[in-house]
C-alpha atoms as a PDB file:
ATOM      1  CA  MET A   1       3.708  96.227 167.715  1.00  0.00           C
ATOM      2  CA  GLU A   2       0.731  93.881 167.395  1.00  0.00           C
ATOM      3  CA  GLN A   3      -2.683  95.551 168.328  1.00  0.00           C
ATOM      4  CA  TRP A   4      -5.720  93.565 169.404  1.00  0.00           C
ATOM      5  CA  GLU A   5      -9.351  94.478 169.640  1.00  0.00           C
ATOM      6  CA  HIS A   6     -11.552  92.791 172.248  1.00  0.00           C
ATOM      7  CA  LEU A   7     -15.130  91.776 172.679  1.00  0.00           C
ATOM      8  CA  LYS A   8     -17.528  90.389 175.275  1.00  0.00           C
ATOM      9  CA  PHE A   9     -20.172  87.984 174.358  1.00  0.00           C
ATOM     10  CA  VAL A  10     -22.876  87.566 176.970  1.00  0.00           C
ATOM     11  CA  VAL A  11     -25.977  85.351 177.332  1.00  0.00           C
ATOM     12  CA  GLN A  12     -28.233  87.616 179.344  1.00  0.00           C
ATOM     13  CA  ARG A  13     -31.329  86.246 181.197  1.00  0.00           C
ATOM     14  CA  ALA A  14     -34.431  88.163 181.888  1.00  0.00           C
ATOM     15  CA  GLY A  15     -37.243  86.313 183.432  1.00  0.00           C
ATOM     16  CA  GLY A  16     -37.528  82.999 181.567  1.00  0.00           C
ATOM     17  CA  ALA A  17     -36.083  84.514 178.375  1.00  0.00           C
ATOM     18  CA  ARG A  18     -32.398  84.625 177.285  1.00  0.00           C
ATOM     19  CA  GLN A  19     -30.729  86.871 174.653  1.00  0.00           C
ATOM     20  CA  PHE A  20     -27.348  87.236 173.143  1.00  0.00           C
ATOM     21  CA  VAL A  21     -25.360  90.433 173.420  1.00  0.00           C
ATOM     22  CA  ILE A  22     -22.102  91.232 171.828  1.00  0.00           C
ATOM     23  CA  GLU A  23     -20.134  94.357 173.089  1.00  0.00           C
ATOM     24  CA  PRO A  24     -19.023  96.099 170.936  1.00  0.00           C
ATOM     25  CA  SER A  25     -21.367  94.812 168.208  1.00  0.00           C
ATOM     26  CA  VAL A  26     -19.836  92.846 165.223  1.00  0.00           C
ATOM     27  CA  PRO A  27     -21.870  93.805 162.140  1.00  0.00           C
ATOM     28  CA  ASP A  28     -20.800  90.401 160.338  1.00  0.00           C
ATOM     29  CA  VAL A  29     -22.517  88.222 162.871  1.00  0.00           C
ATOM     30  CA  GLN A  30     -26.211  87.506 163.054  1.00  0.00           C
ATOM     31  CA  LEU A  31     -27.289  86.566 166.508  1.00  0.00           C
ATOM     32  CA  PRO A  32     -29.580  83.606 166.540  1.00  0.00           C
ATOM     33  CA  GLU A  33     -32.249  82.765 169.097  1.00  0.00           C
ATOM     34  CA  ALA A  34     -30.622  82.165 172.335  1.00  0.00           C
ATOM     35  CA  SER A  35     -30.005  78.558 173.343  1.00  0.00           C
ATOM     36  CA  ASP A  36     -27.143  76.387 174.510  1.00  0.00           C
ATOM     37  CA  TYR A  37     -26.420  75.025 171.089  1.00  0.00           C
ATOM     38  CA  ASN A  38     -26.581  78.593 169.559  1.00  0.00           C
ATOM     39  CA  VAL A  39     -23.797  79.657 171.975  1.00  0.00           C
ATOM     40  CA  LEU A  40     -21.383  77.256 170.180  1.00  0.00           C
ATOM     41  CA  LYS A  41     -22.789  78.620 166.704  1.00  0.00           C
ATOM     42  CA  VAL A  42     -21.967  82.241 167.751  1.00  0.00           C
ATOM     43  CA  LEU A  43     -18.531  81.402 169.066  1.00  0.00           C
ATOM     44  CA  ASN A  44     -17.832  79.456 165.926  1.00  0.00           C
ATOM     45  CA  ASP A  45     -19.014  82.232 163.613  1.00  0.00           C
ATOM     46  CA  LEU A  46     -16.769  84.693 165.605  1.00  0.00           C
ATOM     47  CA  GLY A  47     -13.970  82.291 165.154  1.00  0.00           C
ATOM     48  CA  GLY A  48     -14.509  82.392 161.471  1.00  0.00           C
ATOM     49  CA  LEU A  49     -14.020  86.200 161.516  1.00  0.00           C
ATOM     50  CA  GLY A  50     -10.602  85.715 163.382  1.00  0.00           C
ATOM     51  CA  TRP A  51     -11.815  86.087 167.044  1.00  0.00           C
ATOM     52  CA  GLN A  52     -10.022  84.071 169.525  1.00  0.00           C
ATOM     53  CA  LEU A  53     -11.505  82.752 172.809  1.00  0.00           C
ATOM     54  CA  VAL A  54      -9.542  84.290 175.615  1.00  0.00           C
ATOM     55  CA  ALA A  55     -11.744  83.561 178.805  1.00  0.00           C
ATOM     56  CA  ILE A  56     -14.990  82.209 179.977  1.00  0.00           C
ATOM     57  CA  ASP A  57     -17.045  82.916 183.067  1.00  0.00           C
ATOM     58  CA  THR A  58     -19.472  79.982 183.142  1.00  0.00           C
ATOM     59  CA  ALA A  59     -21.300  81.384 186.235  1.00  0.00           C
ATOM     60  CA  ASN A  60     -22.204  84.571 184.258  1.00  0.00           C
ATOM     61  CA  ASP A  61     -22.340  83.189 180.730  1.00  0.00           C
ATOM     62  CA  THR A  62     -19.711  85.568 179.668  1.00  0.00           C
ATOM     63  CA  TYR A  63     -17.215  84.883 176.848  1.00  0.00           C
ATOM     64  CA  TRP A  64     -14.209  87.335 176.247  1.00  0.00           C
ATOM     65  CA  MET A  65     -12.493  87.194 172.677  1.00  0.00           C
ATOM     66  CA  LYS A  66      -9.802  89.054 170.877  1.00  0.00           C
ATOM     67  CA  ARG A  67      -8.472  89.363 167.290  1.00  0.00           C
ATOM     68  CA  ARG A  68      -5.451  91.057 165.627  1.00  0.00           C
ATOM     69  CA  VAL A  69      -6.141  94.479 164.249  1.00  0.00           C
ATOM     70  CA  PRO A  70      -4.947  95.059 160.826  1.00  0.00           C
ATOM     71  CA  GLU A  71      -2.218  97.543 161.065  1.00  0.00           C
ATOM     72  CA  SER A  72      -3.604  99.946 158.320  1.00  0.00           C
ATOM     73  CA  ASP A  73      -7.297 100.026 158.894  1.00  0.00           C
ATOM     74  CA  GLY A  74      -7.300 103.347 160.673  1.00  0.00           C
ATOM     75  CA  VAL A  75     -10.387 102.502 162.723  1.00  0.00           C
ATOM     76  CA  PRO A  76     -10.472 103.069 166.588  1.00  0.00           C
ATOM     77  CA  HIS A  77     -10.930  99.925 168.462  1.00  0.00           C
ATOM     78  CA  ILE A  78     -12.382  99.089 171.864  1.00  0.00           C
ATOM     79  CA  SER A  79     -10.319  97.122 174.505  1.00  0.00           C
ATOM     80  CA  PHE A  80     -11.796  95.448 177.683  1.00  0.00           C
ATOM     81  CA  GLY A  81      -8.232  95.048 178.980  1.00  0.00           C
ATOM     82  CA  VAL A  82      -8.270  91.283 178.545  1.00  0.00           C
END
């Protein structure tokens, strides 16, 4: 049976500043300075690592993604129930 791991990518706003947050973190992705252009860069970088975009909440700048878990990696994975 296929197993999937999930992540949530959020653009958080605090005052006039914005920052990117990935939950759970993905060590292979460097988060650039938060901007509209860089949202696409982060999504593209995640896509290059096998992540697929599942859903977008534009009102809250939230993106949910998933990728197939290799069957033999033996690592626990987090699911957001997407």
